[in-house]
């Protein structure tokens, strides 16, 4: 087989690639040697090839996702002593690994169907997608443990919402705020080009590092959007003030739903008060 394979395909240095190429070659020979009536149709061929590709993705995902033991994370967080933030499904704690890396550990509150789905969704997306404006996932607890934990890089300046609410908001110049908007938009374009709708774009899911570089976070509610469709139908989820009204009323979500939420973030960046206060003022006018 090695004599007929093109060495430029990389199989000599990657055993998994060689396995995939061999599988494709064997299938092609089987189909060509079969009588016409026994050959699969093109839909079946596509399904088989997608299955081979998915095996590769899963292999990459497993390799990139480090399994941390609970005791290791207890030590790193000093028994989950420093809380960075709390949400409806999880609490995030500060920690430091033995190798010196600072981390943020998301501890899911309860083992419910929703929390497990969010845990798996974060792994699925952040193990496969990498971008300078997406938060980096180091790993987490085993999927088979009762306590689900995810380990991310620590982003020192916290969330955009907290930054805008606090006294340090005056230090965010207009050009800095414009740059935050541009980097957030860049991250969303990357997600949409990868077939992902975030569905929970808001200031508290936009993190800022020590250089005020954007790191978009929280993919537990994200949804895949196949390239062959313009929208998918699903139950509306997200934070009420940021949800696309069309999505909320019809249940149809698309990448344009993220655009609406991003528009709310833009108002949050240019308005002197927090978005919730601005929304209240708008209702009272």
C-alpha atoms as a PDB file:
ATOM      1  CA  UNK A   1       0.000   0.000   0.000  1.00  0.00           C
ATOM      2  CA  UNK A   2       2.846   2.427   0.847  1.00  0.00           C
ATOM      3  CA  UNK A   3       4.153   2.172  -2.724  1.00  0.00           C
ATOM      4  CA  UNK A   4       0.964   3.583  -4.219  1.00  0.00           C
ATOM      5  CA  UNK A   5       0.192   6.259  -1.604  1.00  0.00           C
ATOM      6  CA  UNK A   6       1.316   9.840  -2.223  1.00  0.00           C
ATOM      7  CA  UNK A   7       3.862  10.666   0.546  1.00  0.00           C
ATOM      8  CA  UNK A   8       2.712  14.313   0.454  1.00  0.00           C
ATOM      9  CA  UNK A   9      -0.457  13.183   2.278  1.00  0.00           C
ATOM     10  CA  UNK A  10       1.524  12.910   5.523  1.00  0.00           C
ATOM     11  CA  UNK A  11       0.820   9.263   6.327  1.00  0.00           C
ATOM     12  CA  UNK A  12       4.504   8.515   7.035  1.00  0.00           C
ATOM     13  CA  UNK A  13       4.503  10.719  10.158  1.00  0.00           C
ATOM     14  CA  UNK A  14       0.894  10.250  11.286  1.00  0.00           C
ATOM     15  CA  UNK A  15      -0.410   6.719  11.840  1.00  0.00           C
ATOM     16  CA  UNK A  16      -4.011   7.931  12.117  1.00  0.00           C
ATOM     17  CA  UNK A  17      -3.841   9.555   8.673  1.00  0.00           C
ATOM     18  CA  UNK A  18      -2.483   6.315   7.225  1.00  0.00           C
ATOM     19  CA  UNK A  19      -5.404   4.393   8.743  1.00  0.00           C
ATOM     20  CA  UNK A  20      -7.881   6.822   7.211  1.00  0.00           C
ATOM     21  CA  UNK A  21      -6.239   6.757   3.770  1.00  0.00           C
ATOM     22  CA  UNK A  22      -6.119   2.943   3.834  1.00  0.00           C
ATOM     23  CA  UNK A  23      -9.806   2.797   4.750  1.00  0.00           C
ATOM     24  CA  UNK A  24     -10.719   5.134   1.877  1.00  0.00           C
ATOM     25  CA  UNK A  25      -8.596   3.131  -0.593  1.00  0.00           C
ATOM     26  CA  UNK A  26     -10.144  -0.179   0.460  1.00  0.00           C
ATOM     27  CA  UNK A  27     -13.658   1.251   0.157  1.00  0.00           C
ATOM     28  CA  UNK A  28     -12.927   2.672  -3.304  1.00  0.00           C
ATOM     29  CA  UNK A  29     -11.615  -0.700  -4.509  1.00  0.00           C
ATOM     30  CA  UNK A  30     -14.619  -2.490  -3.016  1.00  0.00           C
ATOM     31  CA  UNK A  31     -17.079  -0.165  -4.740  1.00  0.00           C
ATOM     32  CA  UNK A  32     -15.310  -0.364  -8.108  1.00  0.00           C
ATOM     33  CA  UNK A  33     -15.105  -4.162  -7.968  1.00  0.00           C
ATOM     34  CA  UNK A  34     -18.778  -4.576  -7.013  1.00  0.00           C
ATOM     35  CA  UNK A  35     -21.571  -5.098  -9.554  1.00  0.00           C
ATOM     36  CA  UNK A  36     -23.533  -1.927 -10.250  1.00  0.00           C
ATOM     37  CA  UNK A  37     -26.558  -3.036  -8.255  1.00  0.00           C
ATOM     38  CA  UNK A  38     -24.432  -3.656  -5.131  1.00  0.00           C
ATOM     39  CA  UNK A  39     -22.619  -0.324  -5.123  1.00  0.00           C
ATOM     40  CA  UNK A  40     -23.749   2.356  -2.630  1.00  0.00           C
ATOM     41  CA  UNK A  41     -25.347   5.546  -3.944  1.00  0.00           C
ATOM     42  CA  UNK A  42     -23.600   8.894  -3.491  1.00  0.00           C
ATOM     43  CA  UNK A  43     -25.557   9.761  -0.326  1.00  0.00           C
ATOM     44  CA  UNK A  44     -24.296   6.552   1.271  1.00  0.00           C
ATOM     45  CA  UNK A  45     -20.753   7.270   0.038  1.00  0.00           C
ATOM     46  CA  UNK A  46     -20.894  10.750   1.597  1.00  0.00           C
ATOM     47  CA  UNK A  47     -22.167   9.350   4.897  1.00  0.00           C
ATOM     48  CA  UNK A  48     -19.266   6.868   5.043  1.00  0.00           C
ATOM     49  CA  UNK A  49     -16.667   9.555   4.245  1.00  0.00           C
ATOM     50  CA  UNK A  50     -18.153  11.894   6.880  1.00  0.00           C
ATOM     51  CA  UNK A  51     -17.876   9.034   9.378  1.00  0.00           C
ATOM     52  CA  UNK A  52     -14.166   8.613   8.593  1.00  0.00           C
ATOM     53  CA  UNK A  53     -13.616  12.365   8.967  1.00  0.00           C
ATOM     54  CA  UNK A  54     -15.510  12.441  12.278  1.00  0.00           C
ATOM     55  CA  UNK A  55     -13.251   9.730  13.668  1.00  0.00           C
ATOM     56  CA  UNK A  56     -10.306  12.018  12.903  1.00  0.00           C
ATOM     57  CA  UNK A  57     -11.966  14.973  14.672  1.00  0.00           C
ATOM     58  CA  UNK A  58     -12.713  12.837  17.718  1.00  0.00           C
ATOM     59  CA  UNK A  59      -9.117  11.624  17.804  1.00  0.00           C
ATOM     60  CA  UNK A  60      -7.841  15.220  17.695  1.00  0.00           C
ATOM     61  CA  UNK A  61     -10.353  16.232  20.356  1.00  0.00           C
ATOM     62  CA  UNK A  62      -9.298  13.502  22.751  1.00  0.00           C
ATOM     63  CA  UNK A  63      -5.648  14.338  22.228  1.00  0.00           C
ATOM     64  CA  UNK A  64      -6.169  18.054  22.882  1.00  0.00           C
ATOM     65  CA  UNK A  65      -8.460  17.600  25.881  1.00  0.00           C
ATOM     66  CA  UNK A  66      -6.464  16.832  29.033  1.00  0.00           C
ATOM     67  CA  UNK A  67      -8.219  14.905  31.789  1.00  0.00           C
ATOM     68  CA  UNK A  68      -7.578  16.501  35.183  1.00  0.00           C
ATOM     69  CA  UNK A  69      -8.066  14.585  38.421  1.00  0.00           C
ATOM     70  CA  UNK A  70     -10.376  16.222  40.959  1.00  0.00           C
ATOM     71  CA  UNK A  71      -7.644  16.243  43.622  1.00  0.00           C
ATOM     72  CA  UNK A  72      -5.307  18.064  41.218  1.00  0.00           C
ATOM     73  CA  UNK A  73      -7.886  20.820  40.667  1.00  0.00           C
ATOM     74  CA  UNK A  74      -8.732  21.001  44.377  1.00  0.00           C
ATOM     75  CA  UNK A  75      -5.061  21.691  45.066  1.00  0.00           C
ATOM     76  CA  UNK A  76      -4.776  24.180  42.197  1.00  0.00           C
ATOM     77  CA  UNK A  77      -7.807  26.162  43.400  1.00  0.00           C
ATOM     78  CA  UNK A  78      -7.019  25.767  47.126  1.00  0.00           C
ATOM     79  CA  UNK A  79     -10.253  23.844  47.559  1.00  0.00           C
ATOM     80  CA  UNK A  80     -12.197  26.180  45.257  1.00  0.00           C
ATOM     81  CA  UNK A  81     -11.506  29.161  47.471  1.00  0.00           C
ATOM     82  CA  UNK A  82     -11.529  32.108  45.021  1.00  0.00           C
ATOM     83  CA  UNK A  83     -14.750  32.625  43.070  1.00  0.00           C
ATOM     84  CA  UNK A  84     -14.400  34.539  39.801  1.00  0.00           C
ATOM     85  CA  UNK A  85     -18.053  34.439  38.821  1.00  0.00           C
ATOM     86  CA  UNK A  86     -21.305  32.566  39.177  1.00  0.00           C
ATOM     87  CA  UNK A  87     -23.956  31.694  36.586  1.00  0.00           C
ATOM     88  CA  UNK A  88     -27.129  29.681  36.351  1.00  0.00           C
ATOM     89  CA  UNK A  89     -25.367  26.390  35.637  1.00  0.00           C
ATOM     90  CA  UNK A  90     -21.849  26.798  37.039  1.00  0.00           C
ATOM     91  CA  UNK A  91     -19.413  28.712  39.231  1.00  0.00           C
ATOM     92  CA  UNK A  92     -15.930  29.672  38.029  1.00  0.00           C
ATOM     93  CA  UNK A  93     -12.909  29.559  40.373  1.00  0.00           C
ATOM     94  CA  UNK A  94      -9.348  30.837  40.109  1.00  0.00           C
ATOM     95  CA  UNK A  95      -6.465  28.383  40.290  1.00  0.00           C
ATOM     96  CA  UNK A  96      -2.808  27.808  39.492  1.00  0.00           C
ATOM     97  CA  UNK A  97      -1.352  24.549  38.178  1.00  0.00           C
ATOM     98  CA  UNK A  98       1.977  23.118  39.311  1.00  0.00           C
ATOM     99  CA  UNK A  99       3.521  24.126  35.981  1.00  0.00           C
ATOM    100  CA  UNK A 100       2.730  27.771  36.799  1.00  0.00           C
ATOM    101  CA  UNK A 101      -0.233  28.254  34.463  1.00  0.00           C
ATOM    102  CA  UNK A 102      -3.064  30.322  35.913  1.00  0.00           C
ATOM    103  CA  UNK A 103      -6.451  28.753  35.247  1.00  0.00           C
ATOM    104  CA  UNK A 104     -10.183  29.336  35.562  1.00  0.00           C
ATOM    105  CA  UNK A 105     -12.118  26.231  36.618  1.00  0.00           C
ATOM    106  CA  UNK A 106     -15.813  26.037  35.743  1.00  0.00           C
ATOM    107  CA  UNK A 107     -17.612  23.862  38.294  1.00  0.00           C
ATOM    108  CA  UNK A 108     -21.085  22.800  37.124  1.00  0.00           C
ATOM    109  CA  UNK A 109     -23.638  22.958  39.938  1.00  0.00           C
ATOM    110  CA  UNK A 110     -25.716  19.859  39.355  1.00  0.00           C
ATOM    111  CA  UNK A 111     -25.605  16.780  37.165  1.00  0.00           C
ATOM    112  CA  UNK A 112     -28.693  17.529  35.107  1.00  0.00           C
ATOM    113  CA  UNK A 113     -29.381  16.817  31.461  1.00  0.00           C
ATOM    114  CA  UNK A 114     -28.902  20.516  30.640  1.00  0.00           C
ATOM    115  CA  UNK A 115     -25.602  20.863  32.519  1.00  0.00           C
ATOM    116  CA  UNK A 116     -24.180  17.693  30.951  1.00  0.00           C
ATOM    117  CA  UNK A 117     -25.221  18.949  27.505  1.00  0.00           C
ATOM    118  CA  UNK A 118     -23.474  22.293  28.145  1.00  0.00           C
ATOM    119  CA  UNK A 119     -20.358  20.500  29.449  1.00  0.00           C
ATOM    120  CA  UNK A 120     -20.169  18.357  26.294  1.00  0.00           C
ATOM    121  CA  UNK A 121     -20.913  21.281  23.980  1.00  0.00           C
ATOM    122  CA  UNK A 122     -18.021  23.341  25.381  1.00  0.00           C
ATOM    123  CA  UNK A 123     -15.645  20.406  24.860  1.00  0.00           C
ATOM    124  CA  UNK A 124     -16.944  19.755  21.356  1.00  0.00           C
ATOM    125  CA  UNK A 125     -16.466  23.342  20.184  1.00  0.00           C
ATOM    126  CA  UNK A 126     -13.313  24.462  21.998  1.00  0.00           C
ATOM    127  CA  UNK A 127     -11.445  21.218  21.295  1.00  0.00           C
ATOM    128  CA  UNK A 128     -11.890  21.694  17.554  1.00  0.00           C
ATOM    129  CA  UNK A 129     -11.890  25.482  17.098  1.00  0.00           C
ATOM    130  CA  UNK A 130      -8.889  27.657  17.930  1.00  0.00           C
ATOM    131  CA  UNK A 131      -8.720  31.418  17.449  1.00  0.00           C
ATOM    132  CA  UNK A 132      -6.847  34.259  19.136  1.00  0.00           C
ATOM    133  CA  UNK A 133     -10.167  35.771  20.273  1.00  0.00           C
ATOM    134  CA  UNK A 134     -11.686  32.583  21.707  1.00  0.00           C
ATOM    135  CA  UNK A 135     -10.898  31.481  25.253  1.00  0.00           C
ATOM    136  CA  UNK A 136      -8.522  28.501  25.402  1.00  0.00           C
ATOM    137  CA  UNK A 137      -9.753  25.239  26.943  1.00  0.00           C
ATOM    138  CA  UNK A 138      -6.979  23.224  28.634  1.00  0.00           C
ATOM    139  CA  UNK A 139      -9.133  20.259  29.629  1.00  0.00           C
ATOM    140  CA  UNK A 140     -11.439  19.112  32.394  1.00  0.00           C
ATOM    141  CA  UNK A 141     -12.678  16.252  34.511  1.00  0.00           C
ATOM    142  CA  UNK A 142     -13.618  12.891  33.041  1.00  0.00           C
ATOM    143  CA  UNK A 143     -17.007  12.885  31.330  1.00  0.00           C
ATOM    144  CA  UNK A 144     -17.943   9.904  33.500  1.00  0.00           C
ATOM    145  CA  UNK A 145     -17.485  11.709  36.842  1.00  0.00           C
ATOM    146  CA  UNK A 146     -20.435  13.179  38.713  1.00  0.00           C
ATOM    147  CA  UNK A 147     -18.700  16.531  39.268  1.00  0.00           C
ATOM    148  CA  UNK A 148     -18.176  18.111  35.870  1.00  0.00           C
ATOM    149  CA  UNK A 149     -15.250  20.551  35.709  1.00  0.00           C
ATOM    150  CA  UNK A 150     -13.741  22.459  32.780  1.00  0.00           C
ATOM    151  CA  UNK A 151     -10.309  24.091  32.914  1.00  0.00           C
ATOM    152  CA  UNK A 152      -9.638  27.248  30.865  1.00  0.00           C
ATOM    153  CA  UNK A 153      -6.833  29.747  30.600  1.00  0.00           C
ATOM    154  CA  UNK A 154      -7.230  32.483  33.205  1.00  0.00           C
ATOM    155  CA  UNK A 155      -8.175  35.850  31.688  1.00  0.00           C
ATOM    156  CA  UNK A 156      -6.932  38.494  34.106  1.00  0.00           C
ATOM    157  CA  UNK A 157      -9.172  41.496  33.345  1.00  0.00           C
ATOM    158  CA  UNK A 158     -12.435  39.620  33.761  1.00  0.00           C
ATOM    159  CA  UNK A 159     -15.591  40.287  31.788  1.00  0.00           C
ATOM    160  CA  UNK A 160     -16.426  43.284  29.643  1.00  0.00           C
ATOM    161  CA  UNK A 161     -19.586  43.885  31.688  1.00  0.00           C
ATOM    162  CA  UNK A 162     -17.680  44.135  34.980  1.00  0.00           C
ATOM    163  CA  UNK A 163     -15.039  46.315  33.371  1.00  0.00           C
ATOM    164  CA  UNK A 164     -17.690  48.735  32.125  1.00  0.00           C
ATOM    165  CA  UNK A 165     -19.507  48.829  35.483  1.00  0.00           C
ATOM    166  CA  UNK A 166     -16.457  49.406  37.665  1.00  0.00           C
ATOM    167  CA  UNK A 167     -14.433  52.592  38.271  1.00  0.00           C
ATOM    168  CA  UNK A 168     -11.841  51.411  35.743  1.00  0.00           C
ATOM    169  CA  UNK A 169     -14.390  51.897  32.946  1.00  0.00           C
ATOM    170  CA  UNK A 170     -13.152  55.476  32.538  1.00  0.00           C
ATOM    171  CA  UNK A 171      -9.777  54.042  31.463  1.00  0.00           C
ATOM    172  CA  UNK A 172     -11.374  52.335  28.473  1.00  0.00           C
ATOM    173  CA  UNK A 173     -10.868  54.901  25.732  1.00  0.00           C
ATOM    174  CA  UNK A 174     -13.094  55.065  22.694  1.00  0.00           C
ATOM    175  CA  UNK A 175     -10.388  53.447  20.535  1.00  0.00           C
ATOM    176  CA  UNK A 176     -10.035  50.616  23.070  1.00  0.00           C
ATOM    177  CA  UNK A 177     -13.793  50.055  23.052  1.00  0.00           C
ATOM    178  CA  UNK A 178     -13.829  50.081  19.247  1.00  0.00           C
ATOM    179  CA  UNK A 179     -11.031  47.504  19.249  1.00  0.00           C
ATOM    180  CA  UNK A 180     -13.027  45.313  21.654  1.00  0.00           C
ATOM    181  CA  UNK A 181     -15.977  45.495  19.259  1.00  0.00           C
ATOM    182  CA  UNK A 182     -13.793  44.609  16.263  1.00  0.00           C
ATOM    183  CA  UNK A 183     -12.143  41.645  18.011  1.00  0.00           C
ATOM    184  CA  UNK A 184     -15.520  40.332  19.214  1.00  0.00           C
ATOM    185  CA  UNK A 185     -16.863  40.606  15.663  1.00  0.00           C
ATOM    186  CA  UNK A 186     -13.759  38.790  14.381  1.00  0.00           C
ATOM    187  CA  UNK A 187     -14.387  35.903  16.797  1.00  0.00           C
ATOM    188  CA  UNK A 188     -18.053  35.675  15.767  1.00  0.00           C
ATOM    189  CA  UNK A 189     -17.140  35.637  12.068  1.00  0.00           C
ATOM    190  CA  UNK A 190     -14.760  32.738  12.760  1.00  0.00           C
ATOM    191  CA  UNK A 191     -17.516  30.856  14.608  1.00  0.00           C
ATOM    192  CA  UNK A 192     -20.068  31.471  11.853  1.00  0.00           C
ATOM    193  CA  UNK A 193     -17.593  30.425   9.153  1.00  0.00           C
ATOM    194  CA  UNK A 194     -17.115  27.225  11.180  1.00  0.00           C
ATOM    195  CA  UNK A 195     -20.872  26.598  11.246  1.00  0.00           C
ATOM    196  CA  UNK A 196     -21.426  27.622  14.899  1.00  0.00           C
ATOM    197  CA  UNK A 197     -24.020  30.045  16.304  1.00  0.00           C
ATOM    198  CA  UNK A 198     -22.978  31.273  19.756  1.00  0.00           C
ATOM    199  CA  UNK A 199     -26.562  32.069  20.967  1.00  0.00           C
ATOM    200  CA  UNK A 200     -25.357  33.786  24.157  1.00  0.00           C
ATOM    201  CA  UNK A 201     -23.365  36.820  23.027  1.00  0.00           C
ATOM    202  CA  UNK A 202     -23.279  39.376  25.867  1.00  0.00           C
ATOM    203  CA  UNK A 203     -20.845  41.483  27.841  1.00  0.00           C
ATOM    204  CA  UNK A 204     -20.366  38.901  30.585  1.00  0.00           C
ATOM    205  CA  UNK A 205     -19.256  36.312  28.003  1.00  0.00           C
ATOM    206  CA  UNK A 206     -16.606  38.619  26.538  1.00  0.00           C
ATOM    207  CA  UNK A 207     -13.386  38.374  28.548  1.00  0.00           C
ATOM    208  CA  UNK A 208     -10.426  40.781  28.433  1.00  0.00           C
ATOM    209  CA  UNK A 209      -6.842  39.715  29.047  1.00  0.00           C
ATOM    210  CA  UNK A 210      -3.983  41.817  30.440  1.00  0.00           C
ATOM    211  CA  UNK A 211      -3.657  43.612  27.093  1.00  0.00           C
ATOM    212  CA  UNK A 212      -7.447  44.099  26.839  1.00  0.00           C
ATOM    213  CA  UNK A 213      -7.534  41.543  24.019  1.00  0.00           C
ATOM    214  CA  UNK A 214     -10.958  39.921  23.619  1.00  0.00           C
ATOM    215  CA  UNK A 215     -11.547  36.265  24.487  1.00  0.00           C
ATOM    216  CA  UNK A 216     -15.120  35.160  23.726  1.00  0.00           C
ATOM    217  CA  UNK A 217     -16.290  32.482  26.188  1.00  0.00           C
ATOM    218  CA  UNK A 218     -19.199  30.248  27.237  1.00  0.00           C
ATOM    219  CA  UNK A 219     -20.249  27.943  24.411  1.00  0.00           C
ATOM    220  CA  UNK A 220     -22.657  25.803  26.418  1.00  0.00           C
ATOM    221  CA  UNK A 221     -25.689  27.132  24.500  1.00  0.00           C
ATOM    222  CA  UNK A 222     -24.016  27.188  21.072  1.00  0.00           C
ATOM    223  CA  UNK A 223     -25.625  25.446  18.147  1.00  0.00           C
ATOM    224  CA  UNK A 224     -24.335  24.029  14.871  1.00  0.00           C
ATOM    225  CA  UNK A 225     -25.693  25.515  11.654  1.00  0.00           C
ATOM    226  CA  UNK A 226     -25.177  23.262   8.608  1.00  0.00           C
ATOM    227  CA  UNK A 227     -23.961  25.139   5.535  1.00  0.00           C
ATOM    228  CA  UNK A 228     -26.949  23.890   3.558  1.00  0.00           C
ATOM    229  CA  UNK A 229     -29.542  25.758   5.680  1.00  0.00           C
ATOM    230  CA  UNK A 230     -30.185  29.385   6.646  1.00  0.00           C
ATOM    231  CA  UNK A 231     -31.544  28.705  10.148  1.00  0.00           C
ATOM    232  CA  UNK A 232     -32.481  25.966  12.614  1.00  0.00           C
ATOM    233  CA  UNK A 233     -35.558  25.751  14.829  1.00  0.00           C
ATOM    234  CA  UNK A 234     -34.997  25.384  18.554  1.00  0.00           C
ATOM    235  CA  UNK A 235     -36.273  26.574  21.919  1.00  0.00           C
ATOM    236  CA  UNK A 236     -35.089  30.148  22.601  1.00  0.00           C
ATOM    237  CA  UNK A 237     -32.233  30.325  25.110  1.00  0.00           C
ATOM    238  CA  UNK A 238     -29.897  33.060  26.323  1.00  0.00           C
ATOM    239  CA  UNK A 239     -30.118  36.263  28.330  1.00  0.00           C
ATOM    240  CA  UNK A 240     -33.391  38.076  27.686  1.00  0.00           C
ATOM    241  CA  UNK A 241     -31.985  41.555  27.003  1.00  0.00           C
ATOM    242  CA  UNK A 242     -29.679  40.197  24.309  1.00  0.00           C
ATOM    243  CA  UNK A 243     -31.979  37.687  22.566  1.00  0.00           C
ATOM    244  CA  UNK A 244     -32.956  38.351  18.961  1.00  0.00           C
ATOM    245  CA  UNK A 245     -36.737  39.119  19.089  1.00  0.00           C
ATOM    246  CA  UNK A 246     -37.342  37.173  15.862  1.00  0.00           C
ATOM    247  CA  UNK A 247     -35.643  34.137  17.392  1.00  0.00           C
ATOM    248  CA  UNK A 248     -37.572  34.560  20.648  1.00  0.00           C
ATOM    249  CA  UNK A 249     -40.931  34.703  18.876  1.00  0.00           C
ATOM    250  CA  UNK A 250     -40.401  32.104  16.146  1.00  0.00           C
ATOM    251  CA  UNK A 251     -37.791  29.732  17.592  1.00  0.00           C
ATOM    252  CA  UNK A 252     -35.754  30.107  14.392  1.00  0.00           C
ATOM    253  CA  UNK A 253     -32.109  30.902  15.098  1.00  0.00           C
ATOM    254  CA  UNK A 254     -29.391  31.811  12.591  1.00  0.00           C
ATOM    255  CA  UNK A 255     -26.037  33.573  12.562  1.00  0.00           C
ATOM    256  CA  UNK A 256     -28.025  36.816  12.266  1.00  0.00           C
ATOM    257  CA  UNK A 257     -29.330  36.183  15.791  1.00  0.00           C
ATOM    258  CA  UNK A 258     -25.769  36.641  17.038  1.00  0.00           C
ATOM    259  CA  UNK A 259     -25.657  39.902  15.055  1.00  0.00           C
ATOM    260  CA  UNK A 260     -28.620  41.248  17.079  1.00  0.00           C
ATOM    261  CA  UNK A 261     -26.929  40.271  20.362  1.00  0.00           C
ATOM    262  CA  UNK A 262     -23.696  41.872  19.174  1.00  0.00           C
ATOM    263  CA  UNK A 263     -25.642  45.081  18.483  1.00  0.00           C
ATOM    264  CA  UNK A 264     -26.666  45.117  22.144  1.00  0.00           C
ATOM    265  CA  UNK A 265     -23.007  44.702  23.110  1.00  0.00           C
ATOM    266  CA  UNK A 266     -22.168  47.741  20.952  1.00  0.00           C
ATOM    267  CA  UNK A 267     -24.720  49.816  22.888  1.00  0.00           C
ATOM    268  CA  UNK A 268     -23.181  48.501  26.103  1.00  0.00           C
ATOM    269  CA  UNK A 269     -19.789  49.758  24.900  1.00  0.00           C
ATOM    270  CA  UNK A 270     -20.956  53.277  24.061  1.00  0.00           C
ATOM    271  CA  UNK A 271     -23.532  53.886  26.809  1.00  0.00           C
ATOM    272  CA  UNK A 272     -22.309  55.297  30.122  1.00  0.00           C
ATOM    273  CA  UNK A 273     -24.527  52.984  32.198  1.00  0.00           C
ATOM    274  CA  UNK A 274     -24.752  49.217  32.279  1.00  0.00           C
ATOM    275  CA  UNK A 275     -27.020  47.720  29.613  1.00  0.00           C
ATOM    276  CA  UNK A 276     -29.704  46.760  32.144  1.00  0.00           C
ATOM    277  CA  UNK A 277     -29.995  50.380  33.233  1.00  0.00           C
ATOM    278  CA  UNK A 278     -30.054  51.544  29.620  1.00  0.00           C
ATOM    279  CA  UNK A 279     -32.815  49.049  28.805  1.00  0.00           C
ATOM    280  CA  UNK A 280     -34.873  50.332  31.742  1.00  0.00           C
ATOM    281  CA  UNK A 281     -34.437  53.929  30.576  1.00  0.00           C
ATOM    282  CA  UNK A 282     -35.549  52.934  27.066  1.00  0.00           C
ATOM    283  CA  UNK A 283     -38.700  51.264  28.444  1.00  0.00           C
ATOM    284  CA  UNK A 284     -39.580  54.319  30.551  1.00  0.00           C
ATOM    285  CA  UNK A 285     -39.178  56.823  27.701  1.00  0.00           C
END
